[in-house]
Protein backbone atom coordinates (compact mmCIF):
# COMPACT_ATOMS: atom_id res chain seq x y z
CA MET A 1 -66.41 7.75 145.81
CA LYS A 2 -66.56 3.92 145.88
CA ASP A 3 -62.55 4.17 146.02
CA ILE A 4 -63.19 6.78 149.33
CA LEU A 5 -65.64 4.25 150.74
CA ASP A 6 -62.99 1.39 150.16
CA LYS A 7 -60.48 3.34 152.03
CA ALA A 8 -62.81 4.31 154.77
CA LYS A 9 -63.80 0.82 155.51
CA ASN A 10 -60.21 0.24 156.93
CA ILE A 11 -60.38 3.16 159.15
CA LYS A 12 -60.19 2.69 162.83
CA ILE A 13 -59.57 5.93 164.28
CA VAL A 14 -60.56 9.42 163.03
CA ILE A 15 -57.88 12.20 163.77
CA PHE A 16 -59.48 15.94 163.90
CA ASP A 17 -57.75 19.04 164.05
CA VAL A 18 -59.84 21.60 165.93
CA ASP A 19 -59.48 25.13 164.51
CA GLY A 20 -60.97 25.31 161.26
CA VAL A 21 -62.13 21.67 161.38
CA LEU A 22 -64.62 21.31 164.24
CA THR A 23 -64.72 25.15 164.49
CA ASP A 24 -64.85 27.95 161.56
CA GLY A 25 -61.30 28.79 162.47
CA SER A 26 -62.55 32.06 164.41
CA LEU A 27 -60.81 32.71 167.70
CA LEU A 28 -62.48 34.73 170.10
CA ILE A 29 -60.72 36.28 173.00
CA GLY A 30 -62.59 38.24 175.66
CA ASP A 31 -60.93 41.33 177.29
CA ASP A 32 -59.75 39.12 180.24
CA GLY A 33 -57.80 36.68 177.69
CA GLN A 34 -60.39 34.17 177.87
CA GLU A 35 -60.58 32.07 174.68
CA TYR A 36 -63.97 31.17 173.19
CA LYS A 37 -64.78 28.83 170.19
CA ALA A 38 -68.13 27.62 168.82
CA PHE A 39 -68.60 24.08 168.15
CA ASN A 40 -71.50 22.56 165.77
CA SER A 41 -73.70 20.31 167.78
CA ARG A 42 -74.30 18.20 164.90
CA ASP A 43 -70.39 17.84 164.73
CA GLY A 44 -70.60 16.38 168.25
CA HIS A 45 -73.71 13.99 167.86
CA GLY A 46 -72.00 12.64 164.67
CA MET A 47 -68.58 11.76 166.78
CA LYS A 48 -70.67 10.21 169.27
CA MET A 49 -72.41 7.87 166.86
CA LEU A 50 -69.23 6.91 165.16
CA GLN A 51 -67.71 6.14 168.77
CA LYS A 52 -70.79 3.89 169.43
CA THR A 53 -69.95 1.89 166.32
CA GLY A 54 -66.55 0.79 167.64
CA VAL A 55 -64.53 3.70 165.29
CA GLU A 56 -62.17 5.86 167.85
CA ILE A 57 -61.88 9.68 167.86
CA ALA A 58 -58.61 11.35 168.48
CA ILE A 59 -57.75 15.21 168.70
CA ILE A 60 -54.28 16.68 167.52
CA THR A 61 -54.47 20.40 167.57
CA GLY A 62 -51.74 23.03 167.43
CA ARG A 63 -53.39 25.40 169.78
CA THR A 64 -53.90 24.63 173.60
CA SER A 65 -57.38 25.51 175.45
CA GLU A 66 -59.33 24.86 178.20
CA VAL A 67 -62.28 25.23 175.84
CA VAL A 68 -61.35 22.14 173.86
CA LYS A 69 -60.47 20.18 177.06
CA HIS A 70 -64.21 20.62 177.99
CA ARG A 71 -65.70 20.03 174.69
CA ILE A 72 -63.86 16.59 174.08
CA LYS A 73 -64.83 15.35 177.81
CA ASP A 74 -68.24 16.01 176.78
CA LEU A 75 -67.89 14.08 173.81
CA GLY A 76 -66.23 11.10 175.42
CA ILE A 77 -62.96 11.63 173.28
CA LYS A 78 -60.07 10.23 175.40
CA ILE A 79 -57.03 10.86 172.97
CA VAL A 80 -56.13 14.17 172.81
CA TYR A 81 -53.10 16.12 172.08
CA GLN A 82 -52.84 19.67 172.36
CA GLY A 83 -50.23 22.40 171.79
CA GLN A 84 -48.82 20.24 168.78
CA HIS A 85 -46.45 22.44 166.64
CA ASP A 86 -45.30 19.37 165.08
CA LYS A 87 -48.28 17.28 164.69
CA THR A 88 -46.18 14.34 163.54
CA ILE A 89 -44.82 13.69 166.57
CA ALA A 90 -48.26 13.26 168.35
CA PHE A 91 -49.34 11.00 165.38
CA ASN A 92 -46.35 8.74 165.87
CA ASP A 93 -46.92 8.36 169.54
CA LEU A 94 -50.66 7.62 168.80
CA LEU A 95 -49.67 4.79 166.36
CA GLN A 96 -47.54 3.35 168.44
CA SER A 97 -49.93 3.59 171.81
CA LYS A 98 -52.99 2.25 169.75
CA GLN A 99 -50.82 -0.18 167.72
CA LEU A 100 -52.26 1.13 164.46
CA THR A 101 -51.20 1.40 160.81
CA ALA A 102 -51.55 4.52 159.27
CA ALA A 103 -53.64 3.09 156.85
CA GLU A 104 -56.13 2.63 159.59
CA CYS A 105 -56.33 6.28 160.36
CA ALA A 106 -58.18 9.06 158.70
CA TYR A 107 -57.18 12.56 159.42
CA VAL A 108 -59.66 15.69 159.04
CA GLY A 109 -57.64 18.75 158.58
CA ASP A 110 -57.79 22.57 156.66
CA ASP A 111 -54.47 24.13 156.76
CA VAL A 112 -50.89 23.43 155.66
CA VAL A 113 -49.79 22.45 159.12
CA ASP A 114 -51.86 19.14 158.64
CA LEU A 115 -50.13 18.27 155.60
CA PRO A 116 -47.55 16.32 157.19
CA VAL A 117 -50.04 13.92 159.01
CA MET A 118 -52.34 14.08 156.29
CA SER A 119 -49.77 12.70 153.45
CA GLN A 120 -49.25 9.62 155.98
CA VAL A 121 -52.94 8.41 156.66
CA GLY A 122 -55.25 5.77 154.95
CA LEU A 123 -57.78 8.51 154.35
CA ALA A 124 -56.68 12.33 154.03
CA ILE A 125 -59.87 14.74 154.43
CA ALA A 126 -60.10 18.44 153.56
CA VAL A 127 -63.26 20.36 155.15
CA GLN A 128 -64.84 22.10 152.12
CA ASP A 129 -63.14 25.30 152.98
CA ALA A 130 -59.62 24.19 153.54
CA HIS A 131 -56.45 25.82 152.11
CA PRO A 132 -56.39 24.62 148.48
CA MET A 133 -53.06 22.86 149.03
CA VAL A 134 -54.78 20.85 151.42
CA ILE A 135 -57.71 20.00 149.19
CA LYS A 136 -55.37 19.28 146.56
CA HIS A 137 -53.49 16.53 148.73
CA SER A 138 -56.61 14.80 150.31
CA HIS A 139 -58.35 12.17 149.28
CA TRP A 140 -61.78 13.56 149.97
CA GLN A 141 -63.16 16.67 150.37
CA THR A 142 -66.24 17.44 153.14
CA PRO A 143 -69.83 18.78 151.56
CA SER A 144 -69.67 21.25 154.89
CA ALA A 145 -67.11 24.01 156.14
CA GLY A 146 -65.14 23.72 159.22
CA GLY A 147 -67.29 24.13 162.24
CA ARG A 148 -70.53 24.19 160.02
CA GLY A 149 -71.09 20.23 159.78
CA ALA A 150 -68.15 19.13 158.21
CA GLY A 151 -67.12 16.50 161.21
CA ARG A 152 -70.93 14.88 160.85
CA ASP A 153 -69.83 14.74 157.07
CA VAL A 154 -66.62 12.35 158.03
CA CYS A 155 -68.56 10.58 160.59
CA GLU A 156 -71.67 9.64 158.45
CA MET A 157 -69.43 9.06 155.33
CA ILE A 158 -67.20 6.31 157.63
CA MET A 159 -70.36 4.91 159.18
CA GLU A 160 -71.88 4.56 155.65
CA ALA A 161 -68.92 2.73 154.43
CA LYS A 162 -68.82 0.14 157.16
CA GLY A 163 -72.31 -0.47 156.49
CA SER A 164 -73.34 1.13 160.48
CA LEU A 165 -74.97 4.01 159.19
CA GLN A 166 -78.74 3.40 158.69
CA ALA A 167 -78.79 1.43 161.82
CA GLU A 168 -77.47 4.17 163.69
CA LEU A 169 -80.08 6.55 162.31
CA ASP A 170 -82.64 4.13 162.65
CA SER A 171 -82.04 4.07 166.25
CA TYR A 172 -83.66 7.46 166.44
CA LEU A 173 -87.10 6.25 165.26
CA HIS A 174 -89.51 4.87 167.58
CA LYS A 175 -91.28 1.77 165.53
CA ASP A 176 -94.15 0.27 166.80
């Protein structure tokens, strides 16, 4: 685990896939064609805490969804690439626009479409229930499944590596 924490210390931005990472991968579609997704509130709070410590968050997802647009706005995430069938294009744009190196990026994925980016970043993370090939090619696997706390696992692990987790958690305790 020490080598993972060493990699995490250098991370300036965490890139999340959506379906299967921030959700459990289910696609709920109503008779009217409206798409619904269930997000984990603890994942969202972890993302807010991580951003508060100075680590940015980005989204790169293959699907395009109004639901995702609403969720990321609520979380204050400004860097979003939807409808990315080739996620490396978005990743390269992100590196250039933010003037980052791949080593300064973490990517959280669950399926083989995430591997082209995961193979380039400094910290490749697979959610607990990811495809076996994604797990094999990741540096770290979350204890929780996609949509079930994996996002929070990632945020807290990175804050732990950077030494900001305890202070962030302690800020919720009222000390007299």
